[in-house]
């Protein structure tokens, strides 16, 4: 009995920030997967190795964590004034779906370098040496990202001395500007409820003060103390507590409903990528996952965030945008935990160390708006060639 052969698809495996993903040129995908729909989702699920009831991704390219179960599709931009379109899919580990509801800020740092290496950027836009400034259209949330990609001898410079907590080795710095990062598509406003702090009633769980914001990625911020936590926790302390994870997921679902992101609580089960849920606390000394001690004076605020139902090992860059914006608006829970007042930058502590992010927020006609958020990441190609996938 004969069996169908596997197909080969050109692909690149990249690290971007503290995430990894499989990158494709749109034109290299099978025809049926070049458009949104079941064929595309089925292909990416098989590439990653999902759904995997064993939670290992042994038969795919995924790493069985929210940081490594990702796919990216890049194409020449159809949006005026942009170089490339960047589409991101968060692949569920144990369920048969791909979440297209938001961006991955970490892999945003790899979108520009991949596009250049893949020949998708006009050569006239790339200097022989210096910085290539690329305008990337983030197709999931329809926003502009400006990536400052270092170039050496006409090629993307990947090595360097920029260190990013959560990444083992130094690399070249890539500065990202997330323009107008409020999520107009879903929330319609920076603070969907119209309040900087809401009372979130969660039947069977409790009542919580929450800041719900749509900058970078829709995010629900809670006080760590209200959850019985300190804000210094590492992955094992949170992810090893199924009851706590279940509580946080229930809170997240009710927050998504209050933010208008879903119409029914059941929808939260297939919208795992957004919103994020995070908890904040004032600065305190703690030991990062690397063993390094983070002193009290090294941070302005402590933040821990969950992604796809688990505590992130560092920080999602899109959530870092939300942190930067919330910290810049006096009166939010993030701002208050950071000591209150006006600020344009914040250094926050996460499980792997610290990160400094900036945001420009201002009040216009009584409403808070944000023009951009800025942070530095790094990226590099880990492997390139073809992925092989059984014929669907």
Protein backbone atom coordinates (compact mmCIF):
# COMPACT_ATOMS: atom_id res chain seq x y z
CA UNK A 1 0.00 0.00 0.00
CA UNK A 2 1.49 3.33 -1.05
CA UNK A 3 1.23 6.49 1.01
CA UNK A 4 1.40 10.09 -0.19
CA UNK A 5 4.79 11.76 0.04
CA UNK A 6 5.51 14.78 2.15
CA UNK A 7 5.59 18.20 0.52
CA UNK A 8 8.56 20.55 0.92
CA UNK A 9 7.97 24.21 1.72
CA UNK A 10 10.76 26.81 1.90
CA UNK A 11 10.95 28.09 5.47
CA UNK A 12 13.22 29.81 7.95
CA UNK A 13 13.38 29.13 11.67
CA UNK A 14 14.10 32.35 13.55
CA UNK A 15 14.48 33.73 17.01
CA UNK A 16 12.93 37.13 17.55
CA UNK A 17 13.25 38.64 21.02
CA UNK A 18 12.42 35.88 23.50
CA UNK A 19 10.34 33.88 21.02
CA UNK A 20 11.00 31.50 18.13
CA UNK A 21 8.89 30.77 15.07
CA UNK A 22 8.72 29.31 11.58
CA UNK A 23 8.77 32.05 8.91
CA UNK A 24 7.35 31.70 5.40
CA UNK A 25 7.14 33.86 2.31
CA UNK A 26 3.48 33.98 1.33
CA UNK A 27 4.35 33.05 -2.25
CA UNK A 28 6.09 29.84 -1.11
CA UNK A 29 3.01 28.38 0.58
CA UNK A 30 0.80 25.90 -1.28
CA UNK A 31 -1.89 27.75 -3.25
CA UNK A 32 -4.70 26.75 -0.86
CA UNK A 33 -2.71 28.12 2.10
CA UNK A 34 -1.95 31.46 0.47
CA UNK A 35 -5.36 32.70 1.57
CA UNK A 36 -6.87 32.67 5.08
CA UNK A 37 -8.94 29.63 5.93
CA UNK A 38 -8.95 25.98 7.03
CA UNK A 39 -6.22 24.90 4.58
CA UNK A 40 -3.76 27.48 5.94
CA UNK A 41 -4.59 26.63 9.55
CA UNK A 42 -4.26 22.89 8.93
CA UNK A 43 -0.87 23.38 7.30
CA UNK A 44 0.55 25.50 10.13
CA UNK A 45 -0.82 23.15 12.77
CA UNK A 46 1.00 20.26 11.07
CA UNK A 47 4.21 22.28 10.70
CA UNK A 48 4.26 23.03 14.43
CA UNK A 49 3.08 19.54 15.41
CA UNK A 50 -0.31 20.43 16.88
CA UNK A 51 -2.60 19.40 18.36
CA UNK A 52 -0.33 17.32 20.59
CA UNK A 53 -2.00 15.63 23.58
CA UNK A 54 1.48 14.81 24.91
CA UNK A 55 2.37 18.51 25.00
CA UNK A 56 5.83 17.97 23.48
CA UNK A 57 5.61 18.84 19.75
CA UNK A 58 7.90 15.86 19.06
CA UNK A 59 6.52 15.53 15.51
CA UNK A 60 6.80 19.18 14.52
CA UNK A 61 8.78 22.40 14.66
CA UNK A 62 7.09 23.78 17.76
CA UNK A 63 8.61 23.89 21.21
CA UNK A 64 5.39 23.16 23.14
CA UNK A 65 5.36 26.60 24.80
CA UNK A 66 3.53 29.78 23.92
CA UNK A 67 6.91 31.34 23.03
CA UNK A 68 7.81 28.66 20.48
CA UNK A 69 4.49 27.60 18.90
CA UNK A 70 4.40 30.38 16.34
CA UNK A 71 4.27 30.87 12.58
CA UNK A 72 4.81 34.03 10.51
CA UNK A 73 3.87 34.80 6.90
CA UNK A 74 5.65 37.70 5.17
CA UNK A 75 4.86 39.24 1.80
CA UNK A 76 5.54 42.40 -0.16
CA UNK A 77 3.19 44.99 1.22
CA UNK A 78 -0.16 45.79 -0.32
CA UNK A 79 -0.46 48.72 2.10
CA UNK A 80 0.71 52.08 0.69
CA UNK A 81 3.90 53.41 2.24
CA UNK A 82 4.98 50.06 3.70
CA UNK A 83 7.72 47.64 2.75
CA UNK A 84 6.21 44.30 3.82
CA UNK A 85 3.10 42.77 5.34
CA UNK A 86 3.63 40.67 8.46
CA UNK A 87 0.98 38.14 9.53
CA UNK A 88 1.33 36.19 12.77
CA UNK A 89 -0.33 32.94 13.86
CA UNK A 90 -0.23 31.68 17.46
CA UNK A 91 -0.61 27.92 17.17
CA UNK A 92 -2.40 26.16 19.99
CA UNK A 93 -0.39 23.34 21.53
CA UNK A 94 -3.13 20.88 22.42
CA UNK A 95 -6.13 22.15 20.46
CA UNK A 96 -6.70 22.22 16.67
CA UNK A 97 -6.74 25.95 16.07
CA UNK A 98 -4.54 28.89 15.14
CA UNK A 99 -5.24 32.21 16.89
CA UNK A 100 -4.92 35.17 14.50
CA UNK A 101 -6.32 37.76 16.92
CA UNK A 102 -3.14 39.62 17.78
CA UNK A 103 0.50 40.34 17.11
CA UNK A 104 3.69 38.84 18.52
CA UNK A 105 5.89 41.76 19.50
CA UNK A 106 8.96 39.58 19.94
CA UNK A 107 8.75 38.10 16.45
CA UNK A 108 8.12 41.62 15.14
CA UNK A 109 11.87 42.08 15.56
CA UNK A 110 12.51 39.18 13.16
CA UNK A 111 10.03 40.29 10.49
CA UNK A 112 12.34 42.93 9.02
CA UNK A 113 15.51 40.79 8.98
CA UNK A 114 13.60 37.89 7.41
CA UNK A 115 12.06 40.14 4.75
CA UNK A 116 15.49 41.48 3.78
CA UNK A 117 17.09 38.02 3.68
CA UNK A 118 14.13 36.66 1.68
CA UNK A 119 14.44 39.35 -0.99
CA UNK A 120 11.11 40.99 -0.20
CA UNK A 121 12.49 44.50 0.39
CA UNK A 122 13.44 46.91 -2.39
CA UNK A 123 17.27 46.86 -2.49
CA UNK A 124 17.25 50.65 -2.74
CA UNK A 125 15.87 50.71 0.84
CA UNK A 126 18.89 48.82 2.20
CA UNK A 127 22.18 50.68 2.79
CA UNK A 128 25.54 48.97 2.33
CA UNK A 129 26.29 49.80 5.95
CA UNK A 130 24.13 51.46 8.58
CA UNK A 131 20.49 51.08 9.51
CA UNK A 132 17.67 49.98 7.23
CA UNK A 133 14.46 51.65 8.41
CA UNK A 134 11.58 49.40 7.38
CA UNK A 135 7.88 50.15 7.60
CA UNK A 136 6.12 46.90 8.43
CA UNK A 137 2.36 46.50 8.16
CA UNK A 138 1.18 44.26 11.00
CA UNK A 139 -1.74 42.61 9.23
CA UNK A 140 -3.38 41.02 12.28
CA UNK A 141 -4.07 44.33 14.02
CA UNK A 142 -3.59 46.66 11.02
CA UNK A 143 -0.86 48.77 12.60
CA UNK A 144 2.52 50.07 11.52
CA UNK A 145 5.77 48.89 13.06
CA UNK A 146 8.99 50.72 12.19
CA UNK A 147 12.00 48.43 12.49
CA UNK A 148 15.55 49.79 12.60
CA UNK A 149 17.60 46.87 11.27
CA UNK A 150 21.42 47.06 11.37
CA UNK A 151 23.13 46.33 8.04
CA UNK A 152 26.75 45.36 7.44
CA UNK A 153 28.15 44.92 3.92
CA UNK A 154 24.64 44.87 2.50
CA UNK A 155 23.47 42.04 4.76
CA UNK A 156 21.48 42.00 8.00
CA UNK A 157 23.89 42.20 10.92
CA UNK A 158 22.84 39.56 13.43
CA UNK A 159 25.75 39.44 15.86
CA UNK A 160 26.51 42.18 18.36
CA UNK A 161 26.79 43.06 22.03
CA UNK A 162 23.15 43.88 22.81
CA UNK A 163 21.95 41.77 25.73
CA UNK A 164 18.29 40.93 26.27
CA UNK A 165 17.20 39.27 29.50
CA UNK A 166 15.62 35.94 28.61
CA UNK A 167 18.02 35.36 25.69
CA UNK A 168 21.26 33.52 26.44
CA UNK A 169 23.64 35.16 23.98
CA UNK A 170 24.12 38.79 22.89
CA UNK A 171 23.20 39.90 19.37
CA UNK A 172 22.70 43.03 17.29
CA UNK A 173 20.14 45.53 18.61
CA UNK A 174 16.96 46.13 16.63
CA UNK A 175 14.91 49.14 17.71
CA UNK A 176 11.17 48.77 17.18
CA UNK A 177 8.63 51.60 17.10
CA UNK A 178 5.03 50.45 17.50
CA UNK A 179 3.05 53.29 15.95
CA UNK A 180 -0.41 54.22 17.26
CA UNK A 181 -0.47 50.94 19.23
CA UNK A 182 -4.01 51.24 20.66
CA UNK A 183 -6.06 48.33 19.31
CA UNK A 184 -8.77 50.24 17.46
CA UNK A 185 -10.09 47.09 15.77
CA UNK A 186 -11.25 45.47 18.99
CA UNK A 187 -11.58 48.01 21.77
CA UNK A 188 -12.14 51.19 19.85
CA UNK A 189 -10.34 53.10 22.62
CA UNK A 190 -7.17 52.84 24.68
CA UNK A 191 -9.30 51.99 27.71
CA UNK A 192 -12.38 50.16 26.34
CA UNK A 193 -14.48 50.70 29.48
CA UNK A 194 -13.65 54.40 29.61
CA UNK A 195 -12.01 53.97 33.03
CA UNK A 196 -8.38 53.68 34.09
CA UNK A 197 -9.37 51.22 36.80
CA UNK A 198 -12.46 49.01 36.80
CA UNK A 199 -13.97 46.63 39.30
CA UNK A 200 -14.08 43.24 37.63
CA UNK A 201 -16.67 40.93 39.17
CA UNK A 202 -15.85 37.26 38.56
CA UNK A 203 -18.55 34.91 39.87
CA UNK A 204 -17.14 32.18 42.05
CA UNK A 205 -13.67 33.76 42.08
CA UNK A 206 -13.94 37.28 43.49
CA UNK A 207 -13.93 41.00 42.80
CA UNK A 208 -10.76 42.59 41.43
CA UNK A 209 -9.48 46.04 40.60
CA UNK A 210 -8.28 45.92 36.99
CA UNK A 211 -6.77 48.18 34.36
CA UNK A 212 -7.91 46.99 30.93
CA UNK A 213 -6.00 48.46 28.01
CA UNK A 214 -5.72 47.81 24.28
CA UNK A 215 -2.20 49.10 23.57
CA UNK A 216 0.15 46.67 21.85
CA UNK A 217 -2.14 43.81 22.70
CA UNK A 218 -5.34 43.84 24.75
CA UNK A 219 -4.21 43.29 28.35
CA UNK A 220 -5.85 42.98 31.76
CA UNK A 221 -3.65 44.19 34.63
CA UNK A 222 -4.38 43.11 38.21
CA UNK A 223 -2.62 43.75 41.51
CA UNK A 224 -0.46 40.80 42.53
CA UNK A 225 -1.51 41.25 46.16
CA UNK A 226 -5.19 40.88 45.24
CA UNK A 227 -4.37 37.41 43.90
CA UNK A 228 -2.37 36.45 46.98
CA UNK A 229 0.88 36.86 45.03
CA UNK A 230 4.02 38.99 45.41
CA UNK A 231 4.93 39.80 41.81
CA UNK A 232 8.33 38.12 42.23
CA UNK A 233 7.15 34.67 41.16
CA UNK A 234 8.93 32.59 38.53
CA UNK A 235 7.38 30.15 36.06
CA UNK A 236 7.40 27.09 38.30
CA UNK A 237 5.50 28.79 41.10
CA UNK A 238 2.64 29.81 38.80
CA UNK A 239 2.57 27.07 36.17
CA UNK A 240 2.81 24.39 38.85
CA UNK A 241 -0.42 25.58 40.45
CA UNK A 242 -3.37 24.34 38.33
CA UNK A 243 -5.94 25.93 40.63
CA UNK A 244 -4.32 29.36 40.28
CA UNK A 245 -4.06 29.00 36.50
CA UNK A 246 -7.75 28.11 36.34
CA UNK A 247 -8.63 31.18 38.44
CA UNK A 248 -6.56 33.43 36.20
CA UNK A 249 -8.14 31.99 33.06
CA UNK A 250 -11.61 32.59 34.48
CA UNK A 251 -10.67 36.18 35.31
CA UNK A 252 -9.22 36.61 31.82
CA UNK A 253 -12.43 35.35 30.21
CA UNK A 254 -14.59 37.76 32.20
CA UNK A 255 -12.18 40.59 31.41
CA UNK A 256 -12.36 39.76 27.69
CA UNK A 257 -16.14 39.94 27.91
CA UNK A 258 -16.05 43.30 29.69
CA UNK A 259 -13.55 44.64 27.12
CA UNK A 260 -15.92 43.68 24.31
CA UNK A 261 -13.42 41.25 22.77
CA UNK A 262 -15.85 38.33 23.00
CA UNK A 263 -19.63 38.09 23.12
CA UNK A 264 -19.84 34.90 25.15
CA UNK A 265 -17.53 33.45 27.83
CA UNK A 266 -17.15 30.23 25.82
CA UNK A 267 -15.38 32.20 23.06
CA UNK A 268 -12.39 32.69 25.36
CA UNK A 269 -11.47 29.01 24.89
CA UNK A 270 -10.54 29.60 21.24
CA UNK A 271 -9.22 33.12 21.78
CA UNK A 272 -6.27 32.24 23.95
CA UNK A 273 -3.80 34.72 22.49
CA UNK A 274 -5.82 37.79 23.48
CA UNK A 275 -6.38 39.39 25.86
CA UNK A 276 -3.31 38.81 28.00
CA UNK A 277 -3.60 38.81 31.78
CA UNK A 278 -0.82 40.21 33.95
CA UNK A 279 -0.26 41.16 37.57
CA UNK A 280 1.83 44.00 38.96
CA UNK A 281 3.57 44.91 42.18
CA UNK A 282 5.91 47.63 43.49
CA UNK A 283 9.66 46.97 43.17
CA UNK A 284 11.15 44.23 45.34
CA UNK A 285 14.33 42.20 45.29
CA UNK A 286 14.04 38.78 43.64
CA UNK A 287 16.10 36.13 41.95
CA UNK A 288 15.58 35.87 38.19
CA UNK A 289 15.34 32.51 36.47
CA UNK A 290 19.03 32.77 35.52
CA UNK A 291 19.95 32.96 39.20
CA UNK A 292 20.84 36.65 38.99
CA UNK A 293 19.59 38.86 41.81
CA UNK A 294 17.44 41.78 40.67
CA UNK A 295 17.83 44.56 43.24
CA UNK A 296 14.99 46.83 44.33
CA UNK A 297 16.54 49.85 42.61
CA UNK A 298 16.86 48.05 39.25
CA UNK A 299 13.14 48.24 38.49
CA UNK A 300 10.28 50.72 38.64
CA UNK A 301 7.60 48.02 38.81
CA UNK A 302 7.31 44.23 38.76
CA UNK A 303 5.13 42.55 36.13
CA UNK A 304 4.30 38.93 35.45
CA UNK A 305 2.18 38.04 32.42
CA UNK A 306 0.51 34.89 31.16
CA UNK A 307 0.41 33.73 27.55
CA UNK A 308 -1.77 30.87 26.33
CA UNK A 309 -2.63 29.97 29.91
CA UNK A 310 0.91 29.81 31.29
CA UNK A 311 3.25 32.32 32.91
CA UNK A 312 5.67 33.66 30.27
CA UNK A 313 9.35 33.01 30.95
CA UNK A 314 10.17 36.67 30.26
CA UNK A 315 7.71 39.14 28.70
CA UNK A 316 5.77 39.24 25.47
CA UNK A 317 6.87 42.37 23.60
CA UNK A 318 3.29 43.33 22.79
CA UNK A 319 2.50 43.12 26.49
CA UNK A 320 5.59 45.25 27.14
CA UNK A 321 3.96 47.89 24.93
CA UNK A 322 0.85 47.68 27.10
CA UNK A 323 3.02 48.03 30.21
CA UNK A 324 4.80 51.08 28.80
CA UNK A 325 1.57 52.80 27.85
CA UNK A 326 -0.23 51.96 31.10
CA UNK A 327 2.77 53.15 33.12
CA UNK A 328 2.70 56.49 31.29
CA UNK A 329 -0.94 57.20 32.19
CA UNK A 330 -1.29 58.45 35.79
CA UNK A 331 -3.81 56.43 37.77
CA UNK A 332 -3.60 53.00 36.13
CA UNK A 333 -2.63 50.03 38.30
CA UNK A 334 0.70 49.80 36.48
CA UNK A 335 1.40 53.49 36.99
CA UNK A 336 0.45 53.35 40.67
CA UNK A 337 2.62 50.27 41.30
CA UNK A 338 5.49 52.19 39.67
CA UNK A 339 5.02 55.07 42.13
CA UNK A 340 2.50 57.19 40.20
CA UNK A 341 3.02 60.44 38.32
CA UNK A 342 3.90 61.15 34.71
CA UNK A 343 6.61 59.19 32.90
CA UNK A 344 7.68 58.40 29.34
CA UNK A 345 9.68 55.26 30.14
CA UNK A 346 9.58 52.42 32.65
CA UNK A 347 11.94 49.62 33.59
CA UNK A 348 10.00 46.60 34.72
CA UNK A 349 11.08 43.34 36.29
CA UNK A 350 9.99 40.04 34.72
CA UNK A 351 10.92 36.41 35.48
CA UNK A 352 14.11 36.53 33.36
CA UNK A 353 15.32 39.98 34.39
CA UNK A 354 14.43 43.55 33.41
CA UNK A 355 13.34 45.50 30.35
CA UNK A 356 13.14 49.21 29.65
CA UNK A 357 10.31 50.42 27.39
CA UNK A 358 9.05 53.86 26.44
CA UNK A 359 5.71 55.29 25.36
CA UNK A 360 4.33 58.65 24.35
CA UNK A 361 0.81 59.04 25.73
CA UNK A 362 -1.23 62.23 26.00
CA UNK A 363 -4.75 63.33 26.74
CA UNK A 364 -6.78 64.69 23.82
CA UNK A 365 -10.35 65.96 24.31
CA UNK A 366 -10.55 64.09 27.60
CA UNK A 367 -9.38 60.77 26.11
CA UNK A 368 -5.98 59.18 26.48
CA UNK A 369 -4.16 58.45 23.23
CA UNK A 370 -0.73 57.01 22.52
CA UNK A 371 1.36 57.89 19.47
CA UNK A 372 4.01 55.19 19.77
CA UNK A 373 5.87 52.79 22.02
CA UNK A 374 9.57 52.00 21.63
CA UNK A 375 11.74 49.09 22.71
CA UNK A 376 14.85 47.20 21.67
CA UNK A 377 14.98 43.52 20.77
CA UNK A 378 17.25 41.28 18.70
CA UNK A 379 16.76 38.53 16.15
CA UNK A 380 18.68 35.99 14.15
CA UNK A 381 18.20 33.13 11.72
CA UNK A 382 18.61 29.76 13.41
CA UNK A 383 18.03 27.52 10.37
CA UNK A 384 16.83 27.88 6.81
CA UNK A 385 15.78 25.42 4.15
CA UNK A 386 12.49 23.51 3.85
CA UNK A 387 9.95 22.12 6.25
CA UNK A 388 8.39 18.83 5.23
CA UNK A 389 4.71 18.26 5.85
CA UNK A 390 2.55 15.22 5.06
CA UNK A 391 0.03 15.97 2.33
CA UNK A 392 -3.15 17.19 3.99
